[in-house]
């Protein structure tokens, strides 16, 4: 099942890239492995995927220790400051930075390990009351403030778009996030690269790619609906 699902997702990504006049190499597929057992993750690894997304710190660290592979782990869920120390040297990216306090804690823990942590700013692009994230109008001053921190690198923006029945409804949000990314990149802020747009999930990643996503986070589309114990 997983191999067939991955083949379908891959073909869909290729099609969306072609439609947008983009290279397939421009888009990183992150397999969202939250709640999925290591045996299923290994199937995905065997198909050539190396990027995996987890929502919870404990689950990420457990799988990191078990798999011991050259994988890129992405923390995509809400991150509490007191949990940063457990993942700081295990993740390729933290996608969900949404407060000065969290950015400062990431910087502090990264300094202890003498590393630079790649972060994305989570943006509540649709102004949903139930979502985490920085509001669009607050993103630039937020980034300008945290850019002074020496052990983080702001690589771009992330959003979790609204759950919709028609993915076309999210096109405007993806387009707005891309424009915000372009606007901030044009400011040429030190320590701010803005080369990553993490947007699009199982239900809308095609539209997200058409609107400029460089990372898409696909869970159900790869692993299926059921949740399993680790």
Protein backbone atom coordinates (compact mmCIF):
# COMPACT_ATOMS: atom_id res chain seq x y z
CA UNK A 1 0.00 0.00 0.00
CA UNK A 2 2.71 2.46 0.99
CA UNK A 3 4.69 1.92 -2.23
CA UNK A 4 1.58 2.53 -4.33
CA UNK A 5 0.68 5.61 -2.30
CA UNK A 6 4.18 7.02 -2.68
CA UNK A 7 4.13 6.40 -6.42
CA UNK A 8 0.85 8.29 -6.67
CA UNK A 9 2.11 11.20 -4.57
CA UNK A 10 5.33 11.37 -6.60
CA UNK A 11 3.46 11.46 -9.90
CA UNK A 12 1.16 14.15 -8.53
CA UNK A 13 4.13 16.26 -7.44
CA UNK A 14 5.74 15.88 -10.86
CA UNK A 15 2.47 16.89 -12.55
CA UNK A 16 2.04 19.96 -10.33
CA UNK A 17 5.65 21.01 -10.97
CA UNK A 18 5.18 20.67 -14.71
CA UNK A 19 1.97 22.68 -14.57
CA UNK A 20 3.80 25.46 -12.70
CA UNK A 21 6.89 25.31 -14.92
CA UNK A 22 9.04 24.20 -12.01
CA UNK A 23 11.66 21.47 -11.59
CA UNK A 24 10.76 18.44 -9.49
CA UNK A 25 14.01 19.10 -7.64
CA UNK A 26 12.51 22.35 -6.29
CA UNK A 27 10.11 20.44 -4.00
CA UNK A 28 10.98 18.33 -0.95
CA UNK A 29 8.45 15.70 0.04
CA UNK A 30 8.22 15.37 3.83
CA UNK A 31 6.54 12.14 4.90
CA UNK A 32 4.54 13.01 8.00
CA UNK A 33 5.10 9.95 10.16
CA UNK A 34 3.36 11.02 13.37
CA UNK A 35 1.66 8.09 15.14
CA UNK A 36 3.08 5.67 12.56
CA UNK A 37 5.26 2.72 13.61
CA UNK A 38 8.91 2.40 12.69
CA UNK A 39 8.08 -0.57 10.43
CA UNK A 40 5.97 1.66 8.19
CA UNK A 41 8.58 4.41 8.21
CA UNK A 42 11.17 1.85 7.11
CA UNK A 43 8.99 1.01 4.09
CA UNK A 44 9.04 4.67 3.13
CA UNK A 45 12.80 4.87 3.65
CA UNK A 46 13.20 1.84 1.39
CA UNK A 47 11.42 3.81 -1.32
CA UNK A 48 14.04 6.54 -1.13
CA UNK A 49 12.39 9.12 1.13
CA UNK A 50 14.74 10.75 3.65
CA UNK A 51 12.62 13.61 5.04
CA UNK A 52 10.17 12.85 7.85
CA UNK A 53 7.90 15.12 9.86
CA UNK A 54 6.83 14.64 13.46
CA UNK A 55 4.48 16.67 15.65
CA UNK A 56 5.71 15.59 19.07
CA UNK A 57 9.18 15.79 20.54
CA UNK A 58 9.13 12.45 22.34
CA UNK A 59 7.94 10.58 19.28
CA UNK A 60 10.61 12.23 17.11
CA UNK A 61 13.44 11.41 19.52
CA UNK A 62 12.26 7.81 19.93
CA UNK A 63 12.19 7.22 16.19
CA UNK A 64 15.48 9.05 15.72
CA UNK A 65 17.17 6.70 18.18
CA UNK A 66 15.63 3.55 16.72
CA UNK A 67 16.20 4.23 13.04
CA UNK A 68 19.76 5.52 13.26
CA UNK A 69 19.65 6.44 9.56
CA UNK A 70 20.82 9.41 7.57
CA UNK A 71 17.39 11.01 7.68
CA UNK A 72 16.23 14.62 7.83
CA UNK A 73 13.78 15.03 10.71
CA UNK A 74 11.38 17.98 10.71
CA UNK A 75 9.55 19.13 13.84
CA UNK A 76 6.29 20.38 12.38
CA UNK A 77 4.07 20.52 15.47
CA UNK A 78 3.74 23.17 18.16
CA UNK A 79 6.94 23.24 20.19
CA UNK A 80 7.16 24.10 23.89
CA UNK A 81 10.30 25.91 25.03
CA UNK A 82 11.11 23.27 27.66
CA UNK A 83 11.26 20.56 24.96
CA UNK A 84 13.70 22.31 22.62
CA UNK A 85 16.79 20.80 24.23
CA UNK A 86 15.70 17.27 23.33
CA UNK A 87 15.59 17.83 19.57
CA UNK A 88 17.96 20.70 18.86
CA UNK A 89 20.72 18.50 17.45
CA UNK A 90 18.37 15.96 15.86
CA UNK A 91 16.30 18.05 13.46
CA UNK A 92 17.05 19.46 10.03
CA UNK A 93 14.31 22.08 10.46
CA UNK A 94 11.92 23.37 13.09
CA UNK A 95 8.86 24.46 11.12
CA UNK A 96 6.74 25.91 13.89
CA UNK A 97 8.51 28.94 15.41
CA UNK A 98 5.82 31.41 16.42
CA UNK A 99 7.17 33.43 19.36
CA UNK A 100 10.23 35.43 20.36
CA UNK A 101 10.51 33.29 23.50
CA UNK A 102 10.68 30.08 21.47
CA UNK A 103 13.23 31.52 19.02
CA UNK A 104 15.41 32.63 21.93
CA UNK A 105 15.25 29.19 23.52
CA UNK A 106 16.19 27.50 20.24
CA UNK A 107 19.12 29.91 19.93
CA UNK A 108 20.21 29.19 23.50
CA UNK A 109 20.12 25.41 23.09
CA UNK A 110 21.79 25.56 19.66
CA UNK A 111 24.60 27.64 21.17
CA UNK A 112 25.24 24.90 23.73
CA UNK A 113 25.77 22.42 20.90
CA UNK A 114 27.67 24.96 18.78
CA UNK A 115 25.27 24.51 15.86
CA UNK A 116 23.01 26.73 13.80
CA UNK A 117 19.39 25.59 13.73
CA UNK A 118 17.30 26.07 10.59
CA UNK A 119 13.89 27.46 11.47
CA UNK A 120 10.71 28.40 9.66
CA UNK A 121 8.24 30.94 10.95
CA UNK A 122 4.76 29.50 11.31
CA UNK A 123 2.29 31.97 9.83
CA UNK A 124 -1.43 31.94 10.54
CA UNK A 125 -2.09 33.10 7.01
CA UNK A 126 -5.86 32.66 7.17
CA UNK A 127 -6.25 34.34 10.59
CA UNK A 128 -7.87 31.28 12.13
CA UNK A 129 -8.56 31.63 15.85
CA UNK A 130 -7.83 27.95 16.50
CA UNK A 131 -4.39 27.94 14.85
CA UNK A 132 -0.94 28.75 16.15
CA UNK A 133 1.26 31.07 14.15
CA UNK A 134 2.26 34.67 13.64
CA UNK A 135 -0.25 36.89 11.83
CA UNK A 136 0.88 37.97 8.37
CA UNK A 137 1.23 41.64 9.30
CA UNK A 138 3.46 40.75 12.26
CA UNK A 139 5.89 38.49 10.40
CA UNK A 140 8.37 41.10 9.20
CA UNK A 141 8.94 42.79 12.60
CA UNK A 142 9.08 39.34 14.22
CA UNK A 143 11.79 38.15 11.82
CA UNK A 144 13.70 41.43 12.11
CA UNK A 145 13.83 40.91 15.87
CA UNK A 146 14.94 37.27 15.92
CA UNK A 147 17.44 37.71 13.08
CA UNK A 148 19.83 39.09 15.70
CA UNK A 149 20.11 35.64 17.28
CA UNK A 150 23.38 33.99 16.23
CA UNK A 151 22.53 30.29 16.44
CA UNK A 152 19.37 30.20 14.35
CA UNK A 153 18.89 30.80 10.65
CA UNK A 154 15.49 31.92 9.36
CA UNK A 155 15.05 29.88 6.21
CA UNK A 156 11.48 30.81 5.34
CA UNK A 157 7.82 30.44 6.22
CA UNK A 158 5.40 27.63 7.05
CA UNK A 159 1.64 27.54 7.23
CA UNK A 160 -1.12 25.08 7.97
CA UNK A 161 -3.91 26.15 5.63
CA UNK A 162 -7.59 25.76 6.56
CA UNK A 163 -9.19 22.33 6.24
CA UNK A 164 -11.32 22.65 3.13
CA UNK A 165 -13.36 20.38 0.88
CA UNK A 166 -11.92 21.99 -2.26
CA UNK A 167 -8.15 22.66 -2.30
CA UNK A 168 -8.69 25.57 -4.67
CA UNK A 169 -10.06 27.48 -1.69
CA UNK A 170 -6.55 27.51 -0.21
CA UNK A 171 -4.85 28.85 -3.32
CA UNK A 172 -5.23 32.43 -2.14
CA UNK A 173 -3.55 31.59 1.19
CA UNK A 174 -0.63 29.85 -0.48
CA UNK A 175 -0.25 32.75 -2.90
CA UNK A 176 -0.30 35.25 -0.04
CA UNK A 177 2.33 33.30 1.90
CA UNK A 178 4.60 33.16 -1.14
CA UNK A 179 4.27 36.90 -1.66
CA UNK A 180 5.04 37.52 2.01
CA UNK A 181 8.14 35.34 1.65
CA UNK A 182 9.25 37.32 -1.42
CA UNK A 183 8.67 40.64 0.33
CA UNK A 184 10.75 39.66 3.36
CA UNK A 185 13.51 38.20 1.21
CA UNK A 186 13.76 41.53 -0.63
CA UNK A 187 14.62 43.26 2.66
CA UNK A 188 18.01 41.46 2.68
CA UNK A 189 18.05 40.96 6.45
CA UNK A 190 21.25 39.44 7.83
CA UNK A 191 20.88 35.81 8.88
CA UNK A 192 17.56 35.53 6.97
CA UNK A 193 17.61 33.45 3.78
CA UNK A 194 13.92 32.89 2.92
CA UNK A 195 14.51 30.04 0.49
CA UNK A 196 11.89 27.69 1.97
CA UNK A 197 8.09 27.68 1.78
CA UNK A 198 6.60 24.80 3.77
CA UNK A 199 2.95 24.64 2.75
CA UNK A 200 0.52 22.05 1.50
CA UNK A 201 -0.60 18.77 3.04
CA UNK A 202 -2.35 15.64 1.73
CA UNK A 203 -5.50 17.47 0.67
CA UNK A 204 -3.94 20.48 -1.05
CA UNK A 205 -0.25 19.94 -1.80
CA UNK A 206 -0.78 20.12 -5.58
CA UNK A 207 -2.16 23.63 -5.32
CA UNK A 208 0.58 24.56 -2.86
CA UNK A 209 3.27 23.43 -5.33
CA UNK A 210 1.62 25.42 -8.11
CA UNK A 211 1.85 28.46 -5.82
CA UNK A 212 5.51 27.97 -4.92
CA UNK A 213 5.82 25.45 -2.08
CA UNK A 214 9.35 24.08 -1.67
CA UNK A 215 8.33 21.61 1.05
CA UNK A 216 5.06 19.70 1.22
CA UNK A 217 4.02 17.68 4.27
CA UNK A 218 2.11 14.53 3.32
CA UNK A 219 0.96 12.02 5.92
CA UNK A 220 -2.37 10.40 5.11
CA UNK A 221 -1.57 10.36 1.41
CA UNK A 222 1.42 8.11 2.13
CA UNK A 223 0.59 6.14 5.27
CA UNK A 224 -3.19 5.97 5.09
CA UNK A 225 -5.82 6.99 7.61
CA UNK A 226 -5.28 4.60 10.52
CA UNK A 227 -3.18 5.48 13.54
CA UNK A 228 -0.88 2.85 14.96
CA UNK A 229 1.14 2.65 18.16
CA UNK A 230 4.87 3.23 17.71
